Amino acid sequence: MAHCNTILSQLAAFFPRHDFEKLATQYHQGQKFRSFNRWSQFMAMMIAQLTGRKSL
């Protein structure tokens, strides 16, 4: 069975998760996240941006 990456996974590869988390903890200010972690929120915002959503 052939393996193929989705477009979303190819786009996410441009943002290494380790580097993303390091920058997020360095520059994070404000309240703690309630249900989403930083990476999940970033991915949700990226999907929303790519699909042209008005809000989450």
N, C-alpha and C. Protein backbone atom coordinates (compact mmCIF):
# COMPACT_ATOMS: atom_id res chain seq x y z
N MET A 1 0.84 -1.17 0.00
CA MET A 1 0.00 0.00 0.00
C MET A 1 0.89 1.25 0.00
N ALA A 2 0.60 2.16 -0.87
CA ALA A 2 1.40 3.37 -1.01
C ALA A 2 1.10 4.35 0.13
N HIS A 3 2.14 5.06 0.53
CA HIS A 3 2.00 6.08 1.57
C HIS A 3 2.15 7.45 0.94
N CYS A 4 1.22 8.34 1.24
CA CYS A 4 1.36 9.71 0.74
C CYS A 4 1.00 10.69 1.85
N ASN A 5 1.73 11.77 1.91
CA ASN A 5 1.48 12.80 2.91
C ASN A 5 0.38 13.73 2.44
N THR A 6 -0.39 14.21 3.39
CA THR A 6 -1.42 15.19 3.04
C THR A 6 -0.77 16.56 2.87
N ILE A 7 -1.49 17.45 2.24
CA ILE A 7 -0.98 18.81 2.07
C ILE A 7 -0.79 19.48 3.42
N LEU A 8 -1.71 19.20 4.35
CA LEU A 8 -1.60 19.78 5.68
C LEU A 8 -0.34 19.32 6.39
N SER A 9 -0.01 18.05 6.29
CA SER A 9 1.21 17.56 6.94
C SER A 9 2.46 18.12 6.28
N GLN A 10 2.40 18.34 4.97
CA GLN A 10 3.54 18.95 4.28
C GLN A 10 3.72 20.40 4.71
N LEU A 11 2.62 21.13 4.90
CA LEU A 11 2.72 22.51 5.38
C LEU A 11 3.19 22.56 6.83
N ALA A 12 2.72 21.64 7.66
CA ALA A 12 3.13 21.60 9.06
C ALA A 12 4.61 21.29 9.20
N ALA A 13 5.19 20.62 8.20
CA ALA A 13 6.61 20.28 8.24
C ALA A 13 7.49 21.53 8.16
N PHE A 14 6.95 22.63 7.65
CA PHE A 14 7.72 23.88 7.60
C PHE A 14 7.92 24.48 8.98
N PHE A 15 7.11 24.06 9.94
CA PHE A 15 7.16 24.59 11.31
C PHE A 15 7.52 23.46 12.26
N PRO A 16 8.80 23.24 12.52
CA PRO A 16 9.18 22.16 13.44
C PRO A 16 8.52 22.38 14.81
N ARG A 17 7.88 21.34 15.31
CA ARG A 17 7.11 21.47 16.55
C ARG A 17 8.00 21.85 17.73
N HIS A 18 9.20 21.31 17.79
CA HIS A 18 10.11 21.62 18.89
C HIS A 18 10.45 23.11 18.90
N ASP A 19 10.78 23.65 17.75
CA ASP A 19 11.10 25.08 17.66
C ASP A 19 9.87 25.94 17.96
N PHE A 20 8.71 25.50 17.49
CA PHE A 20 7.47 26.22 17.75
C PHE A 20 7.19 26.29 19.24
N GLU A 21 7.31 25.16 19.94
CA GLU A 21 7.05 25.13 21.38
C GLU A 21 8.07 25.98 22.14
N LYS A 22 9.31 25.97 21.69
CA LYS A 22 10.34 26.77 22.34
C LYS A 22 10.02 28.26 22.23
N LEU A 23 9.64 28.70 21.03
CA LEU A 23 9.28 30.11 20.84
C LEU A 23 7.99 30.46 21.57
N ALA A 24 7.05 29.54 21.60
CA ALA A 24 5.78 29.81 22.27
C ALA A 24 5.98 30.01 23.77
N THR A 25 6.81 29.19 24.39
CA THR A 25 7.05 29.36 25.83
C THR A 25 7.87 30.62 26.10
N GLN A 26 8.73 30.99 25.17
CA GLN A 26 9.55 32.18 25.35
C GLN A 26 8.73 33.45 25.25
N TYR A 27 7.78 33.51 24.34
CA TYR A 27 7.04 34.74 24.08
C TYR A 27 5.60 34.73 24.58
N HIS A 28 5.17 33.63 25.21
CA HIS A 28 3.78 33.54 25.67
C HIS A 28 3.53 34.50 26.83
N GLN A 29 2.46 35.27 26.71
CA GLN A 29 2.01 36.14 27.78
C GLN A 29 0.51 36.03 27.84
N GLY A 30 -0.05 36.13 29.01
CA GLY A 30 -1.49 36.09 29.14
C GLY A 30 -1.98 34.86 29.86
N GLN A 31 -3.24 34.52 29.62
CA GLN A 31 -3.88 33.43 30.32
C GLN A 31 -3.41 32.08 29.80
N LYS A 32 -3.62 31.06 30.63
CA LYS A 32 -3.31 29.70 30.21
C LYS A 32 -4.37 29.22 29.25
N PHE A 33 -4.01 28.24 28.43
CA PHE A 33 -4.96 27.65 27.50
C PHE A 33 -5.89 26.71 28.26
N ARG A 34 -7.13 26.69 27.85
CA ARG A 34 -8.10 25.86 28.56
C ARG A 34 -8.25 24.48 27.94
N SER A 35 -8.54 24.40 26.65
CA SER A 35 -8.78 23.09 26.06
C SER A 35 -7.76 22.74 24.98
N PHE A 36 -7.25 23.70 24.27
CA PHE A 36 -6.26 23.44 23.23
C PHE A 36 -4.86 23.74 23.75
N ASN A 37 -3.90 22.95 23.33
CA ASN A 37 -2.53 23.35 23.59
C ASN A 37 -2.09 24.28 22.46
N ARG A 38 -0.90 24.81 22.54
CA ARG A 38 -0.46 25.82 21.56
C ARG A 38 -0.41 25.25 20.15
N TRP A 39 0.11 24.03 20.01
CA TRP A 39 0.24 23.43 18.69
C TRP A 39 -1.12 23.15 18.06
N SER A 40 -2.05 22.64 18.85
CA SER A 40 -3.40 22.36 18.33
C SER A 40 -4.10 23.65 17.92
N GLN A 41 -3.92 24.69 18.70
CA GLN A 41 -4.52 25.97 18.35
C GLN A 41 -3.90 26.53 17.07
N PHE A 42 -2.58 26.40 16.94
CA PHE A 42 -1.91 26.85 15.72
C PHE A 42 -2.40 26.09 14.50
N MET A 43 -2.53 24.77 14.63
CA MET A 43 -3.00 23.96 13.51
C MET A 43 -4.45 24.31 13.14
N ALA A 44 -5.29 24.54 14.14
CA ALA A 44 -6.68 24.92 13.87
C ALA A 44 -6.73 26.27 13.16
N MET A 45 -5.89 27.21 13.58
CA MET A 45 -5.87 28.52 12.93
C MET A 45 -5.31 28.40 11.51
N MET A 46 -4.34 27.54 11.30
CA MET A 46 -3.79 27.37 9.96
C MET A 46 -4.83 26.73 9.03
N ILE A 47 -5.55 25.74 9.50
CA ILE A 47 -6.61 25.12 8.70
C ILE A 47 -7.69 26.14 8.37
N ALA A 48 -8.08 26.93 9.38
CA ALA A 48 -9.11 27.94 9.16
C ALA A 48 -8.65 28.97 8.13
N GLN A 49 -7.40 29.37 8.19
CA GLN A 49 -6.87 30.35 7.25
C GLN A 49 -6.84 29.77 5.83
N LEU A 50 -6.41 28.52 5.71
CA LEU A 50 -6.30 27.89 4.40
C LEU A 50 -7.66 27.64 3.76
N THR A 51 -8.67 27.38 4.57
CA THR A 51 -9.99 27.09 4.03
C THR A 51 -10.89 28.33 3.96
N GLY A 52 -10.36 29.47 4.37
CA GLY A 52 -11.10 30.73 4.24
C GLY A 52 -12.23 30.90 5.23
N ARG A 53 -12.08 30.35 6.42
CA ARG A 53 -13.13 30.49 7.43
C ARG A 53 -13.12 31.89 8.03
N LYS A 54 -14.27 32.32 8.47
CA LYS A 54 -14.39 33.65 9.10
C LYS A 54 -14.08 33.59 10.59
N SER A 55 -14.38 32.45 11.22
CA SER A 55 -14.12 32.29 12.65
C SER A 55 -13.98 30.82 12.98
N LEU A 56 -13.52 30.53 14.18
CA LEU A 56 -13.41 29.14 14.59
C LEU A 56 -14.72 28.64 15.14
